[in-house]
Every structure is written in C-alpha cells, then in structure tokens.
Amino acid sequence: MSQLQTRPIQLYYWPTPNGWKISIMLEECGLPYEVIPVNIGRGDQFKADFLALSPNNKIPAILDPEGPGGAPLSVFESGAILQYLGRKTGMFYPADERGRVEVDQWLFWQMAGLGPMAGQAHHFRIYAPEKIPYAIERYTREVHRLYGVMNARLADRPFLAGDFSIADIACIGWAKLWERQGQDIKEFPHFAGWLERVLARPAVKRGLALNAEDRTKTDFATDKQAQSVLFGQRPPG
C-alpha cells in the first residue's frame, strides 16, 4: 500500500453486481471505509448530494478524503474506481505497463460486454413486464458467448490476467448469477473453476455479504414503483 489510510473512504453503495465490485476491492485492499446506502429502488440515486458525486445517477461512487495530495477526491463508475484504488494501494493492478494492459483489456471487456449483456439478460428474463422471446434469446445467447470467451481464456491460467486482479473483481458479481442469465455452468468447466476460486476468497465473501439484507428489501420483478424508478429514468433535470 502506497500510504496508510487514516480516514475511511465513503462508499456510496447498494448490493448489486456493480456495487459488489467496490465492496470487494475495499475488503481485498484492507482499506477503511464507511457505507452510505443508496436505495436504487426508492430513488436515492437522484438526490442532489449523490448526483454531485455521480452525475450519471448510478452506483457505486466513492469519496476518498485522502486523495492525491491529501485532498478529497470523488470517483464514479466502477471501472474507474477499481483502477483508482489499484493505483492508490498498488494492489491487484500491476505497475508495469505490460501487466497493466493485460488487466485493463479484461476489465474493459467486462465493462463493455459482460456487465451490460448480463444486465440485459436479467432485465428481459426476469424484470420486463412483457416477455419478448427475441430479446430473451438475444441476450441469453450473448452471455453464453461471453462465458465461452471467458472459459477459453481461463483454460491455462487461474485468473483472467494470470494473477488475481481488478479484472476478476469486476467480473465476479455478474458471473456468480449465471443461473439467472439462463446458463448451464457445466458447459464452461474452466469458468466454473475460476468462479470457485474467486468465491472462496475471504475478502470476496465479505464484500458480497455487505448489506446483503438490503437486496431483499425490493423485489424488482413485482414492485411496480421500484420498476418505474429504476427502469423509467430520464436525464437529470
């Protein structure tokens, strides 16, 4: 770790696959943090104080009171937060350029591919008020393809970039929900082994367990108000 963190990082969070990325990273790095819940089913993400940190009205976000030069720094977007914490601590994000590129390409693969496609699979398979066969098949098949890419990558290495990194942290929250995405894990033995290895890590377990009870407070499959808040968003006024 580059320096001793004396004041806790503020984590604006809800227990979702994107929120888990940062709770896991903070636990893995051993950084002190305090959780500020952002109930995305009740519209907390549209409050002015949160929008000042995350103008895209999405969790997670952090406020580091001991940012560069000792001044506070806020960061939104989960990938950017992972990179920032990796640079800050020197953990799970290589300092050498070749190693960093190896991690970055799989981090951005998750940000641009696995996360959005798995999210759409969840939406059309579980949450959409109308079952649209084309959309269900489209996103279920794309997630299947992505897990095939991941399975091939993991055939000769334990983690996506060789060593455990922020790329694995970015993927685990979505990957562990493979059943909800309509996948058969038996088709992807290397992926299954990776999943077991990552989920066995104590810090990953702690990060996934953070405020887990909040995940049951809202059933987005049946709560019409929550659906309207989450799926009927408009640009901030």
Protein backbone atom coordinates (compact mmCIF):
# COMPACT_ATOMS: atom_id res chain seq x y z
CA MET A 1 0.00 0.00 0.00
CA SER A 2 1.38 3.39 -1.01
CA GLN A 3 0.30 5.11 2.18
CA LEU A 4 -1.59 4.43 5.37
CA GLN A 5 -5.24 5.45 5.06
CA THR A 6 -6.28 7.09 8.31
CA ARG A 7 -9.77 8.29 7.39
CA PRO A 8 -12.37 5.96 5.90
CA ILE A 9 -13.33 6.09 2.25
CA GLN A 10 -17.04 6.79 1.81
CA LEU A 11 -18.66 4.10 -0.31
CA TYR A 12 -21.99 5.02 -1.91
CA TYR A 13 -23.43 1.58 -2.42
CA TRP A 14 -26.27 -0.82 -2.95
CA PRO A 15 -25.73 -4.62 -3.06
CA THR A 16 -25.71 -5.17 -6.82
CA PRO A 17 -23.11 -6.66 -9.17
CA ASN A 18 -21.64 -3.20 -9.74
CA GLY A 19 -21.74 -2.26 -6.08
CA TRP A 20 -20.03 -5.52 -5.13
CA LYS A 21 -17.03 -4.63 -7.29
CA ILE A 22 -16.05 -1.86 -4.91
CA SER A 23 -17.00 -3.51 -1.61
CA ILE A 24 -14.84 -6.48 -2.66
CA MET A 25 -11.93 -4.25 -3.70
CA LEU A 26 -12.01 -2.31 -0.44
CA GLU A 27 -12.07 -5.56 1.53
CA GLU A 28 -9.26 -7.08 -0.54
CA CYS A 29 -7.10 -3.97 -0.04
CA GLY A 30 -7.85 -3.71 3.67
CA LEU A 31 -8.84 -0.05 3.32
CA PRO A 32 -11.06 1.53 5.97
CA TYR A 33 -14.44 2.54 4.59
CA GLU A 34 -17.91 3.53 5.62
CA VAL A 35 -21.03 2.63 3.68
CA ILE A 36 -23.59 5.19 2.61
CA PRO A 37 -26.57 3.20 1.30
CA VAL A 38 -28.14 4.43 -1.94
CA ASN A 39 -31.51 2.70 -2.28
CA ILE A 40 -31.87 2.49 -6.04
CA GLY A 41 -35.42 1.16 -5.75
CA ARG A 42 -36.57 4.29 -3.94
CA GLY A 43 -34.72 6.89 -5.98
CA ASP A 44 -31.82 7.82 -3.69
CA GLN A 45 -29.60 7.95 -6.78
CA PHE A 46 -31.43 11.09 -7.95
CA LYS A 47 -30.76 13.13 -4.82
CA ALA A 48 -28.63 16.22 -5.33
CA ASP A 49 -25.86 15.19 -2.93
CA PHE A 50 -25.38 11.90 -4.76
CA LEU A 51 -25.55 13.48 -8.22
CA ALA A 52 -22.75 15.81 -7.16
CA LEU A 53 -20.57 12.69 -6.90
CA SER A 54 -22.10 10.55 -9.62
CA PRO A 55 -23.70 12.69 -12.35
CA ASN A 56 -24.84 9.55 -14.20
CA ASN A 57 -27.06 8.71 -11.18
CA LYS A 58 -25.60 5.21 -10.88
CA ILE A 59 -23.94 3.39 -8.01
CA PRO A 60 -21.23 2.87 -6.94
CA ALA A 61 -19.30 6.03 -6.17
CA ILE A 62 -16.63 6.82 -3.60
CA LEU A 63 -15.33 9.86 -1.80
CA ASP A 64 -11.74 9.45 -0.68
CA PRO A 65 -10.90 12.05 1.99
CA GLU A 66 -7.22 11.31 1.43
CA GLY A 67 -6.95 11.59 -2.33
CA PRO A 68 -3.93 12.74 -4.34
CA GLY A 69 -2.00 15.42 -2.49
CA GLY A 70 -4.07 14.73 0.61
CA ALA A 71 -7.15 16.46 -0.82
CA PRO A 72 -10.56 14.76 -1.09
CA LEU A 73 -11.39 13.07 -4.39
CA SER A 74 -14.68 11.60 -5.60
CA VAL A 75 -14.81 8.91 -8.28
CA PHE A 76 -17.80 7.41 -10.07
CA GLU A 77 -18.03 4.46 -12.50
CA SER A 78 -17.00 1.11 -11.07
CA GLY A 79 -14.12 0.51 -13.50
CA ALA A 80 -12.62 3.92 -12.80
CA ILE A 81 -12.94 3.30 -9.06
CA LEU A 82 -11.19 -0.07 -9.34
CA GLN A 83 -8.33 1.48 -11.29
CA TYR A 84 -8.03 4.36 -8.82
CA LEU A 85 -7.93 2.07 -5.79
CA GLY A 86 -5.47 -0.22 -7.58
CA ARG A 87 -3.12 2.70 -8.24
CA LYS A 88 -3.61 4.11 -4.76
CA THR A 89 -2.74 0.87 -2.99
CA GLY A 90 -0.51 -0.86 -5.52
CA MET A 91 -2.72 -3.94 -5.17
CA PHE A 92 -4.40 -6.10 -7.85
CA TYR A 93 -3.33 -3.68 -10.61
CA PRO A 94 0.23 -4.11 -11.94
CA ALA A 95 2.59 -1.14 -12.02
CA ASP A 96 4.37 -2.30 -15.20
CA GLU A 97 2.75 -1.35 -18.49
CA ARG A 98 2.52 -4.86 -19.95
CA GLY A 99 0.89 -6.21 -16.82
CA ARG A 100 -1.47 -3.25 -16.61
CA VAL A 101 -2.57 -3.62 -20.23
CA GLU A 102 -3.28 -7.30 -19.60
CA VAL A 103 -5.59 -6.35 -16.74
CA ASP A 104 -7.13 -3.34 -18.48
CA GLN A 105 -8.29 -5.25 -21.54
CA TRP A 106 -10.23 -7.75 -19.41
CA LEU A 107 -11.55 -5.00 -17.14
CA PHE A 108 -12.93 -3.16 -20.16
CA TRP A 109 -14.20 -6.45 -21.60
CA GLN A 110 -16.36 -6.69 -18.50
CA MET A 111 -17.42 -3.05 -18.55
CA ALA A 112 -18.39 -3.08 -22.24
CA GLY A 113 -19.53 -6.68 -22.60
CA LEU A 114 -20.26 -8.96 -19.69
CA GLY A 115 -21.90 -6.38 -17.43
CA PRO A 116 -24.24 -4.78 -19.99
CA MET A 117 -25.18 -8.07 -21.65
CA ALA A 118 -25.79 -9.92 -18.38
CA GLY A 119 -27.79 -6.92 -17.16
CA GLN A 120 -30.00 -7.05 -20.25
CA ALA A 121 -30.40 -10.81 -19.80
CA HIS A 122 -31.59 -10.19 -16.24
CA HIS A 123 -33.95 -7.47 -17.42
CA PHE A 124 -35.69 -9.37 -20.20
CA ARG A 125 -35.67 -12.75 -18.45
CA ILE A 126 -36.86 -11.52 -15.03
CA TYR A 127 -37.98 -7.90 -14.84
CA ALA A 128 -39.56 -6.89 -18.15
CA PRO A 129 -43.37 -6.64 -17.87
CA GLU A 130 -43.69 -8.28 -21.27
CA LYS A 131 -41.80 -11.44 -22.18
CA ILE A 132 -40.19 -10.75 -25.54
CA PRO A 133 -38.75 -14.00 -26.94
CA TYR A 134 -36.33 -12.30 -29.32
CA ALA A 135 -34.82 -10.14 -26.54
CA ILE A 136 -34.60 -13.05 -24.12
CA GLU A 137 -32.86 -15.24 -26.69
CA ARG A 138 -30.60 -12.42 -27.92
CA TYR A 139 -29.12 -11.58 -24.53
CA THR A 140 -29.10 -15.13 -23.18
CA ARG A 141 -27.11 -16.24 -26.23
CA GLU A 142 -24.72 -13.30 -25.95
CA VAL A 143 -23.99 -14.06 -22.29
CA HIS A 144 -23.40 -17.67 -23.34
CA ARG A 145 -20.88 -16.46 -25.92
CA LEU A 146 -19.13 -14.24 -23.37
CA TYR A 147 -18.81 -17.09 -20.87
CA GLY A 148 -17.33 -19.14 -23.70
CA VAL A 149 -14.72 -16.42 -24.23
CA MET A 150 -14.00 -16.40 -20.51
CA ASN A 151 -13.83 -20.19 -20.37
CA ALA A 152 -11.25 -20.28 -23.17
CA ARG A 153 -9.18 -17.58 -21.50
CA LEU A 154 -9.12 -19.49 -18.21
CA ALA A 155 -8.08 -22.79 -19.76
CA ASP A 156 -4.40 -22.21 -18.99
CA ARG A 157 -4.38 -19.66 -16.14
CA PRO A 158 -6.10 -19.37 -12.75
CA PHE A 159 -7.35 -15.80 -13.22
CA LEU A 160 -8.15 -13.58 -16.18
CA ALA A 161 -4.82 -11.73 -16.25
CA GLY A 162 -2.79 -14.55 -14.70
CA ASP A 163 -2.73 -13.24 -11.14
CA PHE A 164 -5.84 -12.19 -9.26
CA SER A 165 -6.67 -8.62 -10.29
CA ILE A 166 -9.33 -5.95 -10.59
CA ALA A 167 -10.47 -7.71 -13.77
CA ASP A 168 -11.60 -10.71 -11.72
CA ILE A 169 -13.17 -8.41 -9.14
CA ALA A 170 -15.14 -6.67 -11.89
CA CYS A 171 -16.50 -9.93 -13.26
CA ILE A 172 -17.39 -11.96 -10.19
CA GLY A 173 -20.61 -10.21 -9.19
CA TRP A 174 -22.15 -10.77 -12.60
CA ALA A 175 -20.65 -14.22 -13.15
CA LYS A 176 -21.97 -15.69 -9.92
CA LEU A 177 -25.52 -15.02 -11.17
CA TRP A 178 -25.13 -17.31 -14.20
CA GLU A 179 -28.34 -19.22 -13.39
CA ARG A 180 -30.42 -16.04 -13.60
CA GLN A 181 -28.88 -15.49 -17.03
CA GLY A 182 -30.11 -18.87 -18.28
CA GLN A 183 -26.69 -20.53 -18.47
CA ASP A 184 -25.50 -24.08 -17.81
CA ILE A 185 -22.20 -23.90 -15.95
CA LYS A 186 -21.35 -27.47 -16.93
CA GLU A 187 -20.60 -26.15 -20.41
CA PHE A 188 -17.79 -23.98 -19.02
CA PRO A 189 -15.52 -26.04 -16.73
CA HIS A 190 -12.65 -23.52 -16.65
CA PHE A 191 -15.08 -20.72 -15.89
CA ALA A 192 -16.59 -22.87 -13.14
CA GLY A 193 -13.15 -23.44 -11.60
CA TRP A 194 -12.42 -19.71 -11.69
CA LEU A 195 -15.76 -18.99 -10.05
CA GLU A 196 -14.97 -21.41 -7.24
CA ARG A 197 -11.51 -19.93 -6.69
CA VAL A 198 -12.72 -16.34 -6.57
CA LEU A 199 -15.74 -17.01 -4.38
CA ALA A 200 -13.52 -18.87 -1.89
CA ARG A 201 -11.50 -15.73 -1.13
CA PRO A 202 -12.39 -14.36 2.34
CA ALA A 203 -12.43 -10.73 1.19
CA VAL A 204 -14.73 -11.60 -1.71
CA LYS A 205 -17.10 -13.28 0.73
CA ARG A 206 -17.10 -10.19 2.94
CA GLY A 207 -17.63 -7.85 0.01
CA LEU A 208 -20.56 -9.87 -1.30
CA ALA A 209 -22.11 -10.05 2.17
CA LEU A 210 -22.01 -6.28 2.73
CA ASN A 211 -25.56 -5.10 3.49
CA ALA A 212 -26.87 -8.26 1.84
CA GLU A 213 -30.20 -7.83 3.64
CA ASP A 214 -30.87 -4.71 1.56
CA ARG A 215 -31.01 -6.87 -1.55
CA THR A 216 -34.24 -8.42 -0.29
CA LYS A 217 -35.95 -5.13 0.53
CA THR A 218 -37.20 -4.63 -3.02
CA ASP A 219 -38.44 -7.24 -5.48
CA PHE A 220 -37.80 -5.57 -8.82
CA ALA A 221 -39.71 -8.35 -10.56
CA THR A 222 -43.01 -7.36 -8.89
CA ASP A 223 -42.60 -3.88 -7.32
CA LYS A 224 -44.08 -1.52 -9.91
CA GLN A 225 -42.89 1.61 -8.11
CA ALA A 226 -39.32 0.33 -7.99
CA GLN A 227 -39.52 -0.68 -11.66
CA SER A 228 -40.66 2.82 -12.55
CA VAL A 229 -37.79 4.36 -10.61
CA LEU A 230 -35.09 2.04 -11.95
CA PHE A 231 -36.26 1.38 -15.49
CA GLY A 232 -38.09 4.62 -16.28
CA GLN A 233 -35.19 7.01 -15.71
CA ARG A 234 -34.92 10.32 -17.51
CA PRO A 235 -31.97 12.73 -17.80
CA PRO A 236 -31.38 14.60 -14.54
CA GLY A 237 -33.14 17.97 -14.54
